[in-house]
Amino acid sequence: MREKIVIIGGGFAGLQLARHLNNNPKYKVMVIDKMNHHMFQPLFYQVATGRIEPSNISFPFRKIFQKSKNIQFRMTEIKQIIPAEKKVIGEEGVFTYDKLIIATGCKTNFFGNQKMQHLTLGMKNTQEAISIRNHILMTFEKMIIERKASDDGNWNLVIVGSGPTGVELAGAFSEMKSQILPRDYPRMNFSDLNIILISAGDKPLESMSTDSQDAAEKYLKQLGAKFMKNERVTDYDGETVTMASGNSIPTTNVIWAAGVTGNIIDGFNPENIVRNRYIVNRYNQVKGYDNIFAIGDIAYMETPKYPHGHPQLANVAINQGKNLAKNLKKKSKKEWIEYEYRDLGSMATVGKHRAVVDLPKFKFQGFLAWYFWMFLHLMLILSVRNKIAIFFNWMWSYINKDSSLRLIIAPAGSNCTEQ
């Protein structure tokens, strides 16, 4: 009888594992996710700024596994794991397993501030990216009707967090301000619209090289974005952002990109978890269990190269999924290979012809880095159809400095539809 593997989460790690176990006669695989699609998170910021459609970076699981002979998909949110009974409890049912793989990834970290969580906009899934687009565009629609004063909070778009997500959003919105909004709203003066990036550190992209940090800060300045360094946001009441220094900014538009935290599921003792990540060995087995694994952002693995755990990056997740699949295919555990992360570098784009790339042996910035960033991300998109759609969207935007994707689409009864 085939062993039953349950994979919780269809992000980069879970999807890679499932695809590498596809049609393997040894296992019966079930992928469980609260969404019905895989999301290509690195391009969420382009959905949020109206550059590409959500469907271009979203891939239905049932389509991905349509021809699979051993993989099933169930859409539900898992609320509890019962290791002693080999069960996982979902909102829509109970599932049993022989081997369990937790690949639940991360969510936005609001550091326990419930008010911030309620009033700011996160960007960790497709719905949140669409919500940002709806909110920002609706702000401009209201402004042109109400004729708000130029010093009103509507004119300040604040992004908290200066990692790749924050920097890419700041660059994209700055280009939108200069190239697109004046054509969409010709009777409005956007010189008073401020794109403000707040950083707790001295430089943006603090995990990258000094050269890349300096270049990113220079690019933000060229695009007209304001970079506030060494500022820590402590409060937001829906109208004003307050910082530890005592400074404040009036705004009704706050995007929170200040960090992530693991999606932990109930069922494990505290000693199995550190910093909201499951403690795993070099084979991604959760501490104390032979048949439960954690991969990707949710896994905390200490190695000589990474004594404090791996960075929560897509490349780590993808390769942990691949390595675990290889191990599960082997005849004996004695043949299993320990996971070793090979750092392939990092990158970020700040706008047209403005990007930074840190590779293991060399670093570069500018238009070459921008083309490199586009090519790599395009190649990582799953389907040929989506690659073509994104490519043509990018080319149209490149030539015309415009896009036709600025649609306000919100559920009936949401704030975006109120009159």
Protein backbone atom coordinates (compact mmCIF):
# COMPACT_ATOMS: atom_id res chain seq x y z
CA MET A 1 0.00 0.00 0.00
CA ARG A 2 1.24 3.48 -0.88
CA GLU A 3 2.18 5.81 1.97
CA LYS A 4 0.02 8.88 2.33
CA ILE A 5 1.82 12.23 2.39
CA VAL A 6 -0.08 15.35 3.40
CA ILE A 7 1.48 18.68 2.42
CA ILE A 8 0.04 21.72 4.22
CA GLY A 9 0.70 24.79 2.08
CA GLY A 10 1.21 25.23 -1.65
CA GLY A 11 3.79 28.00 -1.65
CA PHE A 12 7.25 27.70 -3.16
CA ALA A 13 8.34 24.89 -0.81
CA GLY A 14 5.15 22.83 -0.80
CA LEU A 15 4.62 23.13 -4.55
CA GLN A 16 8.19 22.08 -5.36
CA LEU A 17 7.88 19.03 -3.12
CA ALA A 18 4.55 18.01 -4.66
CA ARG A 19 5.77 18.47 -8.25
CA HIS A 20 8.85 16.34 -7.59
CA LEU A 21 6.69 13.59 -6.11
CA ASN A 22 4.25 13.74 -9.03
CA ASN A 23 3.31 10.29 -10.39
CA ASN A 24 5.65 8.60 -7.91
CA PRO A 25 4.15 5.12 -7.32
CA LYS A 26 5.53 5.04 -3.76
CA TYR A 27 3.32 7.83 -2.41
CA LYS A 28 -0.23 9.10 -2.41
CA VAL A 29 0.02 12.87 -1.97
CA MET A 30 -2.56 15.38 -0.76
CA VAL A 31 -1.87 19.11 -0.99
CA ILE A 32 -3.96 21.26 1.37
CA ASP A 33 -4.12 25.04 1.15
CA LYS A 34 -6.60 27.70 2.24
CA MET A 35 -6.31 29.23 -1.25
CA ASN A 36 -7.10 27.33 -4.45
CA HIS A 37 -4.02 28.67 -6.20
CA HIS A 38 -0.26 29.08 -5.93
CA MET A 39 0.91 32.71 -5.84
CA PHE A 40 4.15 34.13 -7.22
CA GLN A 41 4.81 36.53 -4.37
CA PRO A 42 7.81 38.45 -5.79
CA LEU A 43 5.46 40.20 -8.24
CA PHE A 44 2.69 41.10 -5.79
CA TYR A 45 3.89 44.69 -5.85
CA GLN A 46 3.11 44.86 -9.57
CA VAL A 47 -0.46 43.71 -8.92
CA ALA A 48 -0.73 46.34 -6.17
CA THR A 49 0.40 49.09 -8.56
CA GLY A 50 -1.77 48.01 -11.50
CA ARG A 51 1.03 46.73 -13.72
CA ILE A 52 -0.09 43.12 -14.11
CA GLU A 53 -3.28 41.19 -13.51
CA PRO A 54 -3.53 38.87 -10.48
CA SER A 55 -4.27 35.94 -12.82
CA ASN A 56 -0.83 36.39 -14.41
CA ILE A 57 0.91 35.33 -11.20
CA SER A 58 -1.71 32.94 -9.79
CA PHE A 59 -1.83 29.26 -10.72
CA PRO A 60 -4.80 27.04 -9.72
CA PHE A 61 -3.65 23.88 -7.96
CA ARG A 62 -6.23 21.76 -9.74
CA LYS A 63 -4.83 22.92 -13.07
CA ILE A 64 -1.23 22.26 -11.97
CA PHE A 65 -2.06 18.69 -10.88
CA GLN A 66 -4.73 18.06 -13.50
CA LYS A 67 -2.86 15.15 -15.10
CA SER A 68 -1.33 13.75 -11.91
CA LYS A 69 -2.08 10.15 -10.97
CA ASN A 70 -1.14 10.43 -7.30
CA ILE A 71 -1.75 14.03 -6.18
CA GLN A 72 -5.04 15.38 -4.84
CA PHE A 73 -5.88 18.90 -3.69
CA ARG A 74 -8.16 20.06 -0.88
CA MET A 75 -9.02 23.68 -0.17
CA THR A 76 -9.34 24.32 3.56
CA GLU A 77 -7.44 25.99 6.38
CA ILE A 78 -5.73 23.63 8.81
CA LYS A 79 -6.39 24.63 12.41
CA GLN A 80 -4.71 21.85 14.39
CA ILE A 81 -2.27 18.97 14.06
CA ILE A 82 -2.60 15.89 16.28
CA PRO A 83 0.74 14.06 15.90
CA ALA A 84 -0.20 11.20 18.23
CA GLU A 85 -3.15 10.29 15.99
CA LYS A 86 -1.50 11.25 12.68
CA LYS A 87 -4.34 13.67 11.94
CA VAL A 88 -4.71 17.26 10.81
CA ILE A 89 -7.91 19.15 11.58
CA GLY A 90 -9.18 21.53 8.91
CA GLU A 91 -12.17 23.85 8.79
CA GLU A 92 -13.80 21.50 6.31
CA GLY A 93 -12.73 18.10 7.62
CA VAL A 94 -10.16 15.77 9.16
CA PHE A 95 -7.24 14.31 7.19
CA THR A 96 -4.95 11.43 8.13
CA TYR A 97 -1.35 10.96 7.07
CA ASP A 98 1.64 8.66 7.20
CA LYS A 99 4.04 11.55 6.61
CA LEU A 100 3.20 15.20 7.18
CA ILE A 101 4.99 18.14 5.57
CA ILE A 102 4.30 21.62 6.95
CA ALA A 103 4.95 24.31 4.36
CA THR A 104 2.69 27.08 5.63
CA GLY A 105 5.12 29.93 4.99
CA CYS A 106 4.80 33.35 6.58
CA LYS A 107 2.36 36.16 7.15
CA THR A 108 2.85 39.87 7.75
CA ASN A 109 4.35 40.59 11.18
CA PHE A 110 2.57 43.43 12.99
CA PHE A 111 4.57 42.74 16.16
CA GLY A 112 1.44 42.23 18.22
CA ASN A 113 -0.11 45.59 17.34
CA GLN A 114 -3.75 44.72 16.62
CA LYS A 115 -4.67 48.28 15.68
CA MET A 116 -1.88 48.40 13.10
CA GLN A 117 -3.02 45.07 11.71
CA HIS A 118 -6.57 46.36 11.29
CA LEU A 119 -5.79 49.79 9.83
CA THR A 120 -2.78 49.20 7.56
CA LEU A 121 -2.49 47.26 4.31
CA GLY A 122 -0.37 44.11 4.19
CA MET A 123 0.83 42.33 1.04
CA LYS A 124 1.30 38.60 1.63
CA ASN A 125 -1.38 37.21 -0.70
CA THR A 126 -3.27 38.05 -3.88
CA GLN A 127 -6.26 39.51 -2.06
CA GLU A 128 -4.09 41.91 -0.09
CA ALA A 129 -2.28 43.06 -3.24
CA ILE A 130 -5.64 43.74 -4.91
CA SER A 131 -6.82 45.55 -1.76
CA ILE A 132 -3.84 47.91 -1.99
CA ARG A 133 -4.66 48.66 -5.63
CA ASN A 134 -8.33 49.24 -4.78
CA HIS A 135 -7.54 51.44 -1.78
CA ILE A 136 -4.99 53.68 -3.51
CA LEU A 137 -7.06 54.17 -6.67
CA MET A 138 -10.21 54.81 -4.65
CA THR A 139 -8.31 57.45 -2.68
CA PHE A 140 -7.65 59.40 -5.90
CA GLU A 141 -11.27 59.01 -7.04
CA LYS A 142 -12.49 60.47 -3.74
CA MET A 143 -9.93 63.26 -3.84
CA ILE A 144 -11.02 64.52 -7.24
CA ILE A 145 -14.63 64.72 -6.00
CA GLU A 146 -13.97 66.12 -2.54
CA ARG A 147 -11.13 68.45 -3.56
CA LYS A 148 -9.19 67.79 -0.37
CA ALA A 149 -6.53 70.26 0.74
CA SER A 150 -3.00 69.42 -0.37
CA ASP A 151 -1.82 68.89 3.20
CA ASP A 152 -4.45 66.24 3.92
CA GLY A 153 -3.35 62.70 4.73
CA ASN A 154 -4.74 61.48 1.41
CA TRP A 155 -1.69 63.02 -0.26
CA ASN A 156 0.79 60.94 1.74
CA LEU A 157 1.36 57.30 0.78
CA VAL A 158 3.44 55.72 3.54
CA ILE A 159 5.28 52.40 3.18
CA VAL A 160 6.68 50.95 6.42
CA GLY A 161 9.69 48.68 5.92
CA SER A 162 12.63 49.12 3.55
CA GLY A 163 13.28 45.54 2.47
CA PRO A 164 12.79 44.49 -1.18
CA THR A 165 8.98 44.70 -0.92
CA GLY A 166 9.00 48.22 0.50
CA VAL A 167 11.64 49.50 -1.93
CA GLU A 168 9.89 47.98 -4.96
CA LEU A 169 6.54 49.45 -3.92
CA ALA A 170 8.08 52.89 -3.34
CA GLY A 171 9.73 52.84 -6.76
CA ALA A 172 6.59 51.64 -8.57
CA PHE A 173 4.30 54.18 -6.90
CA SER A 174 6.81 56.96 -7.59
CA GLU A 175 6.77 56.09 -11.30
CA MET A 176 2.98 55.93 -11.17
CA LYS A 177 2.91 59.41 -9.65
CA SER A 178 5.07 60.98 -12.37
CA GLN A 179 4.01 59.06 -15.48
CA ILE A 180 0.46 57.74 -15.08
CA LEU A 181 -1.62 59.68 -12.55
CA PRO A 182 -1.23 63.08 -14.28
CA ARG A 183 -2.74 61.55 -17.43
CA ASP A 184 -5.56 59.80 -15.55
CA TYR A 185 -6.39 62.88 -13.48
CA PRO A 186 -5.34 65.88 -15.61
CA ARG A 187 -7.05 68.41 -13.32
CA MET A 188 -5.15 67.34 -10.24
CA ASN A 189 -1.71 68.58 -9.22
CA PHE A 190 0.33 65.62 -7.98
CA SER A 191 3.35 67.63 -6.89
CA ASP A 192 2.02 67.40 -3.32
CA LEU A 193 1.66 63.60 -3.45
CA ASN A 194 4.41 62.16 -1.23
CA ILE A 195 5.66 58.58 -1.47
CA ILE A 196 7.33 58.02 1.91
CA LEU A 197 9.42 54.95 2.76
CA ILE A 198 10.07 54.52 6.49
CA SER A 199 13.09 52.45 7.54
CA ALA A 200 14.17 51.35 11.01
CA GLY A 201 17.74 51.23 9.69
CA ASP A 202 20.17 53.66 8.14
CA LYS A 203 19.84 52.31 4.59
CA PRO A 204 17.24 50.50 2.47
CA LEU A 205 17.78 46.79 1.67
CA GLU A 206 19.88 46.22 4.79
CA SER A 207 20.41 42.52 3.94
CA MET A 208 22.17 43.44 0.69
CA SER A 209 25.62 44.88 -0.03
CA THR A 210 26.59 48.47 0.77
CA ASP A 211 26.83 49.25 -2.95
CA SER A 212 23.29 48.02 -3.53
CA GLN A 213 21.99 49.93 -0.51
CA ASP A 214 23.58 53.17 -1.71
CA ALA A 215 22.28 52.63 -5.24
CA ALA A 216 18.75 51.90 -4.01
CA GLU A 217 18.72 55.06 -1.90
CA LYS A 218 19.97 57.07 -4.88
CA TYR A 219 17.30 55.61 -7.17
CA LEU A 220 14.53 56.39 -4.68
CA LYS A 221 15.71 59.97 -4.50
CA GLN A 222 15.82 60.23 -8.32
CA LEU A 223 12.23 59.02 -8.52
CA GLY A 224 11.08 61.53 -5.94
CA ALA A 225 10.35 59.12 -3.08
CA LYS A 226 11.16 60.28 0.43
CA PHE A 227 13.33 57.94 2.49
CA MET A 228 13.02 58.32 6.26
CA LYS A 229 15.82 56.43 8.00
CA ASN A 230 16.27 55.35 11.62
CA GLU A 231 12.56 55.71 12.32
CA ARG A 232 10.44 53.10 14.08
CA VAL A 233 6.67 53.27 13.70
CA THR A 234 4.92 52.86 17.05
CA ASP A 235 1.29 53.71 16.29
CA TYR A 236 -1.26 54.44 13.59
CA ASP A 237 -4.84 55.55 14.25
CA GLY A 238 -6.08 55.60 10.65
CA GLU A 239 -5.12 59.24 10.16
CA THR A 240 -1.63 59.70 11.60
CA VAL A 241 1.49 57.56 11.70
CA THR A 242 3.46 58.08 14.91
CA MET A 243 7.14 57.20 15.33
CA ALA A 244 9.36 56.55 18.34
CA SER A 245 11.29 59.75 17.63
CA GLY A 246 8.14 61.79 18.12
CA ASN A 247 7.76 62.55 14.42
CA SER A 248 4.37 61.95 12.83
CA ILE A 249 2.91 61.86 9.32
CA PRO A 250 -0.74 62.52 8.41
CA THR A 251 -1.90 59.75 6.09
CA THR A 252 -4.84 57.54 5.24
CA ASN A 253 -2.69 55.21 3.12
CA VAL A 254 -0.25 52.96 4.99
CA ILE A 255 1.26 49.81 3.53
CA TRP A 256 2.94 47.55 6.11
CA ALA A 257 6.04 45.76 4.75
CA ALA A 258 8.07 45.72 7.96
CA GLY A 259 8.55 42.01 8.45
CA VAL A 260 7.09 38.51 8.45
CA THR A 261 6.33 35.81 11.00
CA GLY A 262 5.66 32.11 10.59
CA ASN A 263 2.20 30.58 10.15
CA ILE A 264 2.33 28.22 13.12
CA ILE A 265 -0.39 25.58 13.51
CA ASP A 266 -1.58 24.45 16.95
CA GLY A 267 -0.49 21.00 18.10
CA PHE A 268 3.20 21.23 19.02
CA ASN A 269 4.95 21.92 22.29
CA PRO A 270 6.85 25.21 22.68
CA GLU A 271 10.19 23.38 22.63
CA ASN A 272 9.51 22.44 18.99
CA ILE A 273 9.28 26.12 17.99
CA VAL A 274 11.71 29.02 17.97
CA ARG A 275 10.94 32.51 16.67
CA ASN A 276 7.65 31.26 15.26
CA ARG A 277 9.38 28.59 13.16
CA TYR A 278 9.50 24.82 13.63
CA ILE A 279 12.91 23.50 14.71
CA VAL A 280 14.09 20.97 12.14
CA ASN A 281 17.21 18.86 11.57
CA ARG A 282 19.27 18.83 8.38
CA TYR A 283 16.67 16.54 6.76
CA ASN A 284 13.85 18.98 7.62
CA GLN A 285 12.36 16.65 10.22
CA VAL A 286 10.59 18.54 13.00
CA LYS A 287 12.33 18.12 16.34
CA GLY A 288 11.11 14.97 18.07
CA TYR A 289 9.31 13.46 15.06
CA ASP A 290 10.39 11.03 12.35
CA ASN A 291 7.33 11.45 10.14
CA ILE A 292 6.69 15.21 10.39
CA PHE A 293 8.69 17.67 8.33
CA ALA A 294 8.76 21.46 7.91
CA ILE A 295 10.15 23.19 4.83
CA GLY A 296 10.53 26.75 3.60
CA ASP A 297 9.99 29.91 5.62
CA ILE A 298 8.38 28.00 8.49
CA ALA A 299 11.47 25.79 9.07
CA TYR A 300 14.25 26.77 11.48
CA MET A 301 17.39 24.82 10.58
CA GLU A 302 20.73 25.57 12.18
CA THR A 303 23.83 24.76 10.12
CA PRO A 304 27.51 25.77 10.42
CA LYS A 305 26.95 28.36 7.67
CA TYR A 306 23.64 29.54 9.13
CA PRO A 307 23.80 29.10 12.93
CA HIS A 308 20.69 31.26 13.40
CA GLY A 309 18.58 29.64 10.70
CA HIS A 310 18.28 30.27 6.98
CA PRO A 311 16.95 33.52 5.51
CA GLN A 312 13.26 33.34 4.63
CA LEU A 313 13.76 33.46 0.87
CA ALA A 314 12.07 31.75 -2.07
CA ASN A 315 15.32 30.07 -3.10
CA VAL A 316 15.67 28.40 0.32
CA ALA A 317 12.07 27.18 0.19
CA ILE A 318 12.35 25.84 -3.35
CA ASN A 319 15.52 23.91 -2.66
CA GLN A 320 14.34 22.50 0.66
CA GLY A 321 11.29 21.16 -1.19
CA LYS A 322 13.48 19.60 -3.88
CA ASN A 323 15.91 18.08 -1.36
CA LEU A 324 13.14 16.53 0.73
CA ALA A 325 11.56 15.05 -2.42
CA LYS A 326 14.90 13.46 -3.36
CA ASN A 327 15.23 11.98 0.12
CA LEU A 328 11.70 10.60 0.16
CA LYS A 329 12.34 8.87 -3.16
CA LYS A 330 15.37 7.00 -1.84
CA LYS A 331 15.07 3.38 -0.73
CA SER A 332 16.57 3.93 2.72
CA LYS A 333 17.01 6.81 5.17
CA LYS A 334 20.70 5.94 5.19
CA GLU A 335 20.86 7.42 1.69
CA TRP A 336 19.27 10.72 2.70
CA ILE A 337 21.23 13.88 1.95
CA GLU A 338 21.49 16.75 4.43
CA TYR A 339 20.21 20.08 3.19
CA GLU A 340 22.86 22.70 2.47
CA TYR A 341 21.84 26.13 1.27
CA ARG A 342 23.78 27.59 -1.59
CA ASP A 343 23.33 31.36 -1.65
CA LEU A 344 22.66 32.38 -5.25
CA GLY A 345 22.36 36.06 -4.37
CA SER A 346 19.56 38.59 -4.01
CA MET A 347 18.10 41.42 -6.04
CA ALA A 348 15.51 44.20 -6.03
CA THR A 349 14.12 46.61 -8.59
CA VAL A 350 13.43 50.26 -7.83
CA GLY A 351 11.97 51.33 -11.18
CA LYS A 352 12.64 51.37 -14.89
CA HIS A 353 16.37 50.82 -15.58
CA ARG A 354 16.94 50.90 -11.82
CA ALA A 355 17.71 47.66 -9.99
CA VAL A 356 20.36 46.13 -7.77
CA VAL A 357 21.78 42.61 -7.96
CA ASP A 358 24.11 40.90 -5.47
CA LEU A 359 25.56 37.65 -6.82
CA PRO A 360 28.06 35.51 -4.86
CA LYS A 361 31.08 36.69 -6.87
CA PHE A 362 30.07 40.10 -8.15
CA LYS A 363 27.50 42.85 -7.78
CA PHE A 364 26.00 45.30 -10.26
CA GLN A 365 23.35 47.98 -10.42
CA GLY A 366 21.46 50.02 -12.99
CA PHE A 367 19.88 49.11 -16.32
CA LEU A 368 21.79 45.80 -16.70
CA ALA A 369 20.61 44.72 -13.26
CA TRP A 370 17.06 45.71 -14.24
CA TYR A 371 17.10 43.52 -17.36
CA PHE A 372 18.62 40.68 -15.34
CA TRP A 373 15.88 41.03 -12.71
CA MET A 374 13.13 40.96 -15.37
CA PHE A 375 14.58 37.93 -17.18
CA LEU A 376 15.01 35.87 -14.03
CA HIS A 377 11.53 36.59 -12.69
CA LEU A 378 9.97 35.87 -16.07
CA MET A 379 11.71 32.49 -16.20
CA LEU A 380 10.41 31.59 -12.72
CA ILE A 381 6.76 32.03 -13.77
CA LEU A 382 5.13 28.60 -14.01
CA SER A 383 3.17 28.53 -17.28
CA VAL A 384 4.09 29.61 -20.80
CA ARG A 385 0.79 31.47 -21.12
CA ASN A 386 1.54 33.54 -18.03
CA LYS A 387 5.11 34.22 -19.15
CA ILE A 388 3.79 35.60 -22.45
CA ALA A 389 1.08 37.70 -20.75
CA ILE A 390 3.54 39.26 -18.32
CA PHE A 391 6.12 39.85 -21.05
CA PHE A 392 3.62 41.75 -23.22
CA ASN A 393 2.37 43.76 -20.23
CA TRP A 394 5.95 44.73 -19.43
CA MET A 395 6.73 45.64 -23.04
CA TRP A 396 3.56 47.75 -23.35
CA SER A 397 4.39 49.55 -20.12
CA TYR A 398 8.02 50.01 -21.22
CA ILE A 399 7.08 51.60 -24.55
CA ASN A 400 4.05 53.63 -23.46
CA LYS A 401 4.91 54.30 -19.81
CA ASP A 402 1.37 53.23 -19.04
CA SER A 403 -0.87 50.24 -18.33
CA SER A 404 -4.59 49.65 -18.65
CA LEU A 405 -4.92 47.57 -15.50
CA ARG A 406 -6.01 50.22 -13.02
CA LEU A 407 -9.32 48.58 -12.18
CA ILE A 408 -11.10 49.03 -8.87
CA ILE A 409 -12.60 45.60 -8.22
CA ALA A 410 -13.99 45.02 -4.74
CA PRO A 411 -16.67 42.79 -3.20
CA ALA A 412 -20.12 44.29 -2.78
CA GLY A 413 -20.39 46.05 0.56
CA SER A 414 -16.67 46.83 0.90
CA ASN A 415 -15.36 50.34 1.61
CA CYS A 416 -14.28 50.72 -2.00
CA THR A 417 -17.87 50.69 -3.20
CA GLU A 418 -19.34 53.14 -0.71
CA GLN A 419 -20.72 56.36 -2.08
